[in-house]
N, C-alpha and C. Protein backbone atom coordinates (compact mmCIF):
# COMPACT_ATOMS: atom_id res chain seq x y z
N MET A 1 -1.77 -87.74 13.29
CA MET A 1 -1.17 -86.78 12.39
C MET A 1 0.26 -86.44 12.82
N PHE A 2 0.48 -86.36 14.14
CA PHE A 2 1.82 -86.00 14.62
C PHE A 2 2.88 -86.94 14.06
N GLU A 3 2.59 -88.25 14.08
CA GLU A 3 3.61 -89.21 13.65
C GLU A 3 4.01 -88.98 12.19
N LYS A 4 3.04 -88.67 11.33
CA LYS A 4 3.34 -88.42 9.92
C LYS A 4 4.12 -87.12 9.74
N ASN A 5 3.69 -86.10 10.48
CA ASN A 5 4.36 -84.79 10.37
C ASN A 5 5.80 -84.85 10.87
N LEU A 6 6.02 -85.55 11.97
CA LEU A 6 7.38 -85.68 12.51
C LEU A 6 8.28 -86.39 11.50
N LYS A 7 7.79 -87.50 10.97
CA LYS A 7 8.58 -88.26 10.00
C LYS A 7 8.88 -87.43 8.75
N GLN A 8 7.87 -86.69 8.28
CA GLN A 8 8.06 -85.84 7.10
C GLN A 8 9.12 -84.77 7.36
N LEU A 9 9.03 -84.10 8.50
CA LEU A 9 10.00 -83.06 8.82
C LEU A 9 11.41 -83.64 8.94
N ARG A 10 11.51 -84.80 9.56
CA ARG A 10 12.82 -85.45 9.72
C ARG A 10 13.42 -85.80 8.35
N LYS A 11 12.58 -86.37 7.49
CA LYS A 11 13.09 -86.77 6.16
C LYS A 11 13.41 -85.56 5.29
N GLU A 12 12.62 -84.48 5.41
CA GLU A 12 12.90 -83.26 4.64
C GLU A 12 14.29 -82.72 4.97
N ARG A 13 14.74 -82.97 6.18
CA ARG A 13 16.05 -82.47 6.61
C ARG A 13 17.12 -83.56 6.53
N ASN A 14 16.75 -84.66 5.88
CA ASN A 14 17.69 -85.77 5.68
C ASN A 14 18.32 -86.26 6.97
N LEU A 15 17.49 -86.38 7.99
CA LEU A 15 17.96 -86.89 9.28
C LEU A 15 17.51 -88.33 9.48
N THR A 16 18.36 -89.12 10.11
CA THR A 16 17.94 -90.46 10.52
C THR A 16 17.23 -90.32 11.87
N GLN A 17 16.55 -91.38 12.28
CA GLN A 17 15.93 -91.35 13.60
C GLN A 17 16.99 -91.19 14.69
N THR A 18 18.13 -91.82 14.49
CA THR A 18 19.22 -91.72 15.46
C THR A 18 19.71 -90.29 15.59
N GLU A 19 19.91 -89.62 14.45
CA GLU A 19 20.37 -88.23 14.48
C GLU A 19 19.35 -87.33 15.18
N LEU A 20 18.09 -87.52 14.87
CA LEU A 20 17.06 -86.70 15.51
C LEU A 20 17.03 -86.95 17.02
N ALA A 21 17.16 -88.22 17.41
CA ALA A 21 17.18 -88.56 18.83
C ALA A 21 18.33 -87.86 19.54
N LEU A 22 19.50 -87.81 18.91
CA LEU A 22 20.65 -87.13 19.50
C LEU A 22 20.40 -85.62 19.64
N HIS A 23 19.84 -85.01 18.59
CA HIS A 23 19.55 -83.57 18.65
C HIS A 23 18.53 -83.24 19.75
N LEU A 24 17.53 -84.10 19.90
CA LEU A 24 16.47 -83.84 20.88
C LEU A 24 16.79 -84.38 22.27
N ARG A 25 17.91 -85.15 22.35
CA ARG A 25 18.34 -85.76 23.62
C ARG A 25 17.28 -86.71 24.18
N VAL A 26 16.79 -87.55 23.27
CA VAL A 26 15.84 -88.61 23.65
C VAL A 26 16.37 -89.92 23.09
N SER A 27 15.75 -91.01 23.47
CA SER A 27 16.20 -92.32 22.98
C SER A 27 15.72 -92.55 21.55
N LEU A 28 16.42 -93.43 20.88
CA LEU A 28 16.02 -93.83 19.53
C LEU A 28 14.63 -94.47 19.59
N GLY A 29 14.37 -95.20 20.66
CA GLY A 29 13.06 -95.83 20.85
C GLY A 29 11.94 -94.80 20.93
N ALA A 30 12.22 -93.66 21.55
CA ALA A 30 11.19 -92.60 21.65
C ALA A 30 10.82 -92.11 20.26
N ILE A 31 11.82 -91.85 19.44
CA ILE A 31 11.56 -91.38 18.07
C ILE A 31 10.76 -92.44 17.31
N GLY A 32 11.18 -93.69 17.42
CA GLY A 32 10.48 -94.79 16.74
C GLY A 32 9.04 -94.91 17.18
N ASN A 33 8.81 -94.79 18.49
CA ASN A 33 7.44 -94.88 19.02
C ASN A 33 6.59 -93.70 18.57
N TRP A 34 7.18 -92.51 18.52
CA TRP A 34 6.43 -91.33 18.06
C TRP A 34 6.05 -91.48 16.60
N GLU A 35 7.00 -91.89 15.77
CA GLU A 35 6.73 -92.02 14.34
C GLU A 35 5.79 -93.18 14.02
N ALA A 36 5.75 -94.18 14.89
CA ALA A 36 4.85 -95.32 14.69
C ALA A 36 3.45 -95.01 15.23
N GLY A 37 3.34 -93.89 15.96
CA GLY A 37 2.05 -93.53 16.54
C GLY A 37 1.72 -94.29 17.81
N ASN A 38 2.73 -94.95 18.40
CA ASN A 38 2.52 -95.70 19.64
C ASN A 38 2.50 -94.81 20.87
N ARG A 39 3.22 -93.71 20.78
CA ARG A 39 3.31 -92.76 21.90
C ARG A 39 3.34 -91.35 21.35
N THR A 40 3.05 -90.41 22.24
CA THR A 40 3.09 -88.99 21.88
C THR A 40 3.96 -88.28 22.91
N PRO A 41 4.83 -87.39 22.48
CA PRO A 41 5.65 -86.67 23.46
C PRO A 41 4.81 -85.74 24.33
N ASP A 42 5.34 -85.39 25.49
CA ASP A 42 4.63 -84.46 26.36
C ASP A 42 4.70 -83.05 25.77
N ALA A 43 3.96 -82.15 26.38
CA ALA A 43 3.84 -80.78 25.85
C ALA A 43 5.20 -80.08 25.74
N GLN A 44 6.05 -80.24 26.73
CA GLN A 44 7.36 -79.60 26.69
C GLN A 44 8.20 -80.12 25.52
N MET A 45 8.14 -81.43 25.31
CA MET A 45 8.90 -82.02 24.20
C MET A 45 8.33 -81.57 22.86
N LEU A 46 7.00 -81.42 22.75
CA LEU A 46 6.40 -80.90 21.51
C LEU A 46 6.95 -79.52 21.19
N LEU A 47 7.07 -78.69 22.21
CA LEU A 47 7.66 -77.36 22.01
C LEU A 47 9.11 -77.45 21.56
N THR A 48 9.85 -78.37 22.17
CA THR A 48 11.26 -78.57 21.81
C THR A 48 11.38 -79.03 20.36
N ILE A 49 10.52 -79.97 19.96
CA ILE A 49 10.55 -80.48 18.57
C ILE A 49 10.18 -79.36 17.60
N ALA A 50 9.14 -78.60 17.93
CA ALA A 50 8.72 -77.49 17.06
C ALA A 50 9.85 -76.48 16.92
N ASP A 51 10.50 -76.14 18.01
CA ASP A 51 11.62 -75.19 17.96
C ASP A 51 12.76 -75.74 17.12
N TYR A 52 13.06 -77.01 17.30
CA TYR A 52 14.16 -77.63 16.55
C TYR A 52 13.91 -77.53 15.04
N PHE A 53 12.69 -77.84 14.61
CA PHE A 53 12.37 -77.81 13.18
C PHE A 53 11.97 -76.42 12.69
N GLY A 54 11.80 -75.47 13.61
CA GLY A 54 11.42 -74.12 13.21
C GLY A 54 9.99 -74.04 12.70
N VAL A 55 9.11 -74.83 13.32
CA VAL A 55 7.70 -74.84 12.94
C VAL A 55 6.84 -74.61 14.18
N SER A 56 5.56 -74.36 13.97
CA SER A 56 4.65 -74.21 15.11
C SER A 56 4.21 -75.59 15.60
N THR A 57 3.71 -75.63 16.81
CA THR A 57 3.15 -76.89 17.32
C THR A 57 1.92 -77.28 16.50
N ASP A 58 1.20 -76.30 15.98
CA ASP A 58 0.07 -76.61 15.09
C ASP A 58 0.57 -77.40 13.89
N ARG A 59 1.69 -76.99 13.32
CA ARG A 59 2.25 -77.67 12.15
C ARG A 59 2.61 -79.11 12.50
N LEU A 60 3.07 -79.33 13.72
CA LEU A 60 3.41 -80.68 14.16
C LEU A 60 2.17 -81.56 14.36
N LEU A 61 1.11 -80.96 14.90
CA LEU A 61 -0.02 -81.76 15.35
C LEU A 61 -1.17 -81.86 14.36
N ARG A 62 -1.29 -80.91 13.47
CA ARG A 62 -2.46 -80.88 12.58
C ARG A 62 -2.19 -81.48 11.22
N ASP A 63 -3.31 -81.72 10.54
CA ASP A 63 -3.28 -82.15 9.15
C ASP A 63 -2.60 -81.04 8.35
N PRO A 64 -1.62 -81.36 7.50
CA PRO A 64 -0.92 -80.33 6.73
C PRO A 64 -1.85 -79.53 5.81
N ASN A 65 -2.99 -80.09 5.47
CA ASN A 65 -3.94 -79.38 4.60
C ASN A 65 -4.83 -78.42 5.38
N PHE A 66 -4.75 -78.45 6.71
CA PHE A 66 -5.56 -77.56 7.53
C PHE A 66 -5.07 -76.12 7.37
N THR A 67 -6.02 -75.22 7.17
CA THR A 67 -5.67 -73.80 7.13
C THR A 67 -6.45 -73.09 8.21
N ASP A 68 -5.77 -72.30 8.96
CA ASP A 68 -6.39 -71.57 10.05
C ASP A 68 -6.59 -70.12 9.62
N THR A 69 -7.40 -69.94 8.59
CA THR A 69 -7.63 -68.62 8.06
C THR A 69 -8.66 -67.91 8.93
N PRO A 70 -8.33 -66.72 9.43
CA PRO A 70 -9.30 -66.01 10.27
C PRO A 70 -10.51 -65.57 9.45
N PHE A 71 -11.65 -65.48 10.15
CA PHE A 71 -12.88 -65.03 9.50
C PHE A 71 -12.81 -63.53 9.24
N SER A 72 -13.38 -63.11 8.11
CA SER A 72 -13.49 -61.68 7.82
C SER A 72 -14.61 -61.11 8.70
N GLN A 73 -14.71 -59.80 8.76
CA GLN A 73 -15.79 -59.17 9.53
C GLN A 73 -17.15 -59.59 8.99
N LYS A 74 -17.28 -59.67 7.68
CA LYS A 74 -18.53 -60.07 7.05
C LYS A 74 -18.90 -61.50 7.48
N GLU A 75 -17.91 -62.40 7.46
CA GLU A 75 -18.17 -63.78 7.87
C GLU A 75 -18.57 -63.85 9.35
N LYS A 76 -17.92 -63.05 10.19
CA LYS A 76 -18.27 -63.02 11.61
C LYS A 76 -19.71 -62.56 11.82
N ARG A 77 -20.12 -61.52 11.05
CA ARG A 77 -21.50 -61.03 11.16
C ARG A 77 -22.50 -62.09 10.69
N LEU A 78 -22.16 -62.80 9.63
CA LEU A 78 -23.05 -63.85 9.14
C LEU A 78 -23.17 -64.99 10.15
N ILE A 79 -22.06 -65.37 10.74
CA ILE A 79 -22.09 -66.43 11.75
C ILE A 79 -22.92 -65.98 12.95
N SER A 80 -22.73 -64.75 13.38
CA SER A 80 -23.50 -64.22 14.49
C SER A 80 -24.99 -64.20 14.17
N ALA A 81 -25.33 -63.75 12.97
CA ALA A 81 -26.74 -63.73 12.55
C ALA A 81 -27.30 -65.15 12.55
N TYR A 82 -26.53 -66.09 12.06
CA TYR A 82 -26.98 -67.49 12.01
C TYR A 82 -27.22 -68.02 13.42
N ARG A 83 -26.31 -67.73 14.32
CA ARG A 83 -26.42 -68.27 15.68
C ARG A 83 -27.54 -67.60 16.48
N ASN A 84 -27.79 -66.32 16.22
CA ASN A 84 -28.71 -65.57 17.07
C ASN A 84 -30.10 -65.32 16.48
N GLN A 85 -30.30 -65.65 15.23
CA GLN A 85 -31.59 -65.39 14.61
C GLN A 85 -32.14 -66.69 14.04
N PRO A 86 -33.08 -67.30 14.75
CA PRO A 86 -33.61 -68.60 14.33
C PRO A 86 -34.19 -68.62 12.92
N ASP A 87 -34.78 -67.50 12.47
CA ASP A 87 -35.34 -67.50 11.12
C ASP A 87 -34.22 -67.61 10.08
N ILE A 88 -33.10 -66.97 10.33
CA ILE A 88 -31.97 -67.06 9.42
C ILE A 88 -31.38 -68.48 9.49
N GLN A 89 -31.29 -69.01 10.70
CA GLN A 89 -30.78 -70.36 10.89
C GLN A 89 -31.61 -71.37 10.10
N LEU A 90 -32.92 -71.26 10.21
CA LEU A 90 -33.82 -72.17 9.51
C LEU A 90 -33.66 -72.04 8.00
N ALA A 91 -33.60 -70.80 7.51
CA ALA A 91 -33.48 -70.58 6.07
C ALA A 91 -32.16 -71.13 5.52
N VAL A 92 -31.08 -70.86 6.23
CA VAL A 92 -29.78 -71.34 5.77
C VAL A 92 -29.72 -72.86 5.82
N ASP A 93 -30.23 -73.44 6.90
CA ASP A 93 -30.24 -74.89 7.01
C ASP A 93 -31.05 -75.53 5.89
N ARG A 94 -32.19 -74.93 5.57
CA ARG A 94 -33.01 -75.47 4.48
C ARG A 94 -32.28 -75.32 3.15
N LEU A 95 -31.63 -74.19 2.95
CA LEU A 95 -30.90 -73.96 1.72
C LEU A 95 -29.79 -75.00 1.54
N LEU A 96 -29.14 -75.35 2.65
CA LEU A 96 -28.05 -76.32 2.61
C LEU A 96 -28.53 -77.76 2.71
N GLY A 97 -29.83 -77.93 2.94
CA GLY A 97 -30.38 -79.28 3.08
C GLY A 97 -30.04 -79.92 4.40
N VAL A 98 -29.88 -79.09 5.44
CA VAL A 98 -29.54 -79.58 6.77
C VAL A 98 -30.80 -79.54 7.62
N ASP A 99 -31.04 -80.60 8.38
CA ASP A 99 -32.20 -80.62 9.27
C ASP A 99 -31.91 -79.77 10.49
N THR A 100 -32.85 -78.90 10.84
CA THR A 100 -32.74 -78.08 12.03
C THR A 100 -33.77 -78.57 13.03
N PRO A 101 -33.33 -78.92 14.23
CA PRO A 101 -34.30 -79.36 15.23
C PRO A 101 -35.27 -78.22 15.56
N LEU A 102 -36.54 -78.40 15.25
CA LEU A 102 -37.52 -77.35 15.47
C LEU A 102 -37.64 -76.99 16.95
N LYS A 103 -37.48 -77.96 17.82
CA LYS A 103 -37.56 -77.68 19.25
C LYS A 103 -36.48 -76.68 19.66
N LEU A 104 -35.27 -76.90 19.16
CA LEU A 104 -34.16 -76.00 19.49
C LEU A 104 -34.44 -74.60 18.96
N ILE A 105 -34.92 -74.50 17.73
CA ILE A 105 -35.24 -73.19 17.17
C ILE A 105 -36.33 -72.54 18.01
N SER A 106 -37.32 -73.31 18.38
CA SER A 106 -38.42 -72.78 19.17
C SER A 106 -37.91 -72.25 20.51
N GLU A 107 -37.03 -73.02 21.15
CA GLU A 107 -36.47 -72.58 22.44
C GLU A 107 -35.64 -71.32 22.27
N ASN A 108 -34.80 -71.27 21.22
CA ASN A 108 -33.97 -70.09 20.97
C ASN A 108 -34.83 -68.87 20.70
N LYS A 109 -35.85 -69.05 19.89
CA LYS A 109 -36.70 -67.93 19.53
C LYS A 109 -37.48 -67.46 20.76
N SER A 110 -37.95 -68.41 21.56
CA SER A 110 -38.68 -68.07 22.78
C SER A 110 -37.78 -67.28 23.72
N ALA A 111 -36.53 -67.72 23.85
CA ALA A 111 -35.58 -67.00 24.71
C ALA A 111 -35.33 -65.61 24.17
N ALA A 112 -35.21 -65.50 22.85
CA ALA A 112 -34.97 -64.20 22.23
C ALA A 112 -36.16 -63.26 22.43
N LEU A 113 -37.34 -63.83 22.57
CA LEU A 113 -38.53 -63.03 22.79
C LEU A 113 -38.77 -62.76 24.27
N GLY A 114 -37.83 -63.15 25.10
CA GLY A 114 -37.96 -62.94 26.53
C GLY A 114 -38.71 -64.07 27.20
N GLY A 115 -39.00 -65.13 26.49
CA GLY A 115 -39.68 -66.27 27.06
C GLY A 115 -41.16 -66.08 27.25
N ASP A 116 -41.67 -64.90 26.88
CA ASP A 116 -43.08 -64.61 27.10
C ASP A 116 -43.99 -65.17 26.02
N GLU A 117 -43.46 -65.38 24.85
CA GLU A 117 -44.29 -65.82 23.74
C GLU A 117 -43.83 -67.18 23.24
N THR A 118 -44.74 -67.96 22.77
CA THR A 118 -44.40 -69.22 22.14
C THR A 118 -44.42 -69.01 20.65
N PRO A 119 -43.27 -69.08 20.01
CA PRO A 119 -43.23 -68.83 18.57
C PRO A 119 -43.89 -69.96 17.79
N ILE A 120 -44.37 -69.64 16.65
CA ILE A 120 -44.94 -70.63 15.76
C ILE A 120 -43.93 -70.87 14.66
N ILE A 121 -43.52 -72.12 14.51
CA ILE A 121 -42.56 -72.47 13.47
C ILE A 121 -43.36 -73.08 12.32
N SER A 122 -43.23 -72.48 11.18
CA SER A 122 -43.93 -73.01 10.02
C SER A 122 -42.90 -73.35 8.95
N ASN A 123 -43.33 -74.11 7.97
CA ASN A 123 -42.43 -74.44 6.86
C ASN A 123 -42.17 -73.18 6.05
N ALA A 124 -40.89 -72.91 5.84
CA ALA A 124 -40.53 -71.72 5.08
C ALA A 124 -40.69 -72.00 3.59
N SER A 125 -41.29 -71.08 2.89
CA SER A 125 -41.43 -71.23 1.45
C SER A 125 -40.15 -70.77 0.78
N SER A 126 -40.02 -71.03 -0.50
CA SER A 126 -38.85 -70.58 -1.27
C SER A 126 -38.71 -69.08 -1.20
N ASN A 127 -39.84 -68.36 -1.24
CA ASN A 127 -39.80 -66.90 -1.18
C ASN A 127 -39.27 -66.43 0.18
N GLU A 128 -39.70 -67.11 1.24
CA GLU A 128 -39.23 -66.73 2.57
C GLU A 128 -37.73 -66.97 2.71
N ILE A 129 -37.28 -68.07 2.17
CA ILE A 129 -35.86 -68.38 2.24
C ILE A 129 -35.07 -67.35 1.45
N ALA A 130 -35.53 -67.04 0.25
CA ALA A 130 -34.85 -66.04 -0.58
C ALA A 130 -34.82 -64.69 0.13
N SER A 131 -35.93 -64.33 0.77
CA SER A 131 -36.01 -63.07 1.50
C SER A 131 -35.00 -63.05 2.65
N THR A 132 -34.90 -64.15 3.36
CA THR A 132 -33.98 -64.22 4.48
C THR A 132 -32.53 -64.16 3.99
N ILE A 133 -32.25 -64.80 2.87
CA ILE A 133 -30.89 -64.75 2.32
C ILE A 133 -30.54 -63.32 1.93
N ARG A 134 -31.50 -62.60 1.34
CA ARG A 134 -31.25 -61.20 1.01
C ARG A 134 -30.96 -60.40 2.27
N LYS A 135 -31.68 -60.72 3.34
CA LYS A 135 -31.48 -60.05 4.63
C LYS A 135 -30.06 -60.32 5.14
N ILE A 136 -29.61 -61.55 5.02
CA ILE A 136 -28.25 -61.91 5.45
C ILE A 136 -27.23 -61.12 4.65
N LYS A 137 -27.44 -61.06 3.34
CA LYS A 137 -26.51 -60.35 2.48
C LYS A 137 -26.44 -58.87 2.84
N LYS A 138 -27.61 -58.26 3.13
CA LYS A 138 -27.63 -56.85 3.51
C LYS A 138 -26.86 -56.62 4.80
N GLU A 139 -27.09 -57.54 5.78
CA GLU A 139 -26.40 -57.40 7.07
C GLU A 139 -24.89 -57.56 6.90
N GLY A 140 -24.49 -58.37 5.92
CA GLY A 140 -23.08 -58.63 5.72
C GLY A 140 -22.34 -57.52 4.98
N GLU A 141 -23.07 -56.61 4.39
CA GLU A 141 -22.42 -55.54 3.60
C GLU A 141 -21.95 -54.40 4.47
């Protein structure tokens, strides 16, 4: 991704590879190798390039379509509930059609119970899934 982003930024500013090399005080070959994806600059040079173009290093290194939108409080609570409550995890995974390793759920649930009890994992019915989803929604409000 870096090679495409560097080339795009250079062209947006109507710079040749030679001009960019002069501004960054590197060889023309370095610019060519970076844009071809043959080499990657070191961390200090990435910072220098980002400063030169007035962008973040994320902008240089990531897919331009990537958005780093922070989670809302509601989303954080839902993620926490998913990670810490095996019944919610199972329901959400079934709703999304994702296989959940029963052994992992069993271990998580056993740990949550203090390890003293062996939980019984059964197939969740549609009603159980709907009930769990309502529970998630309530917790998220």
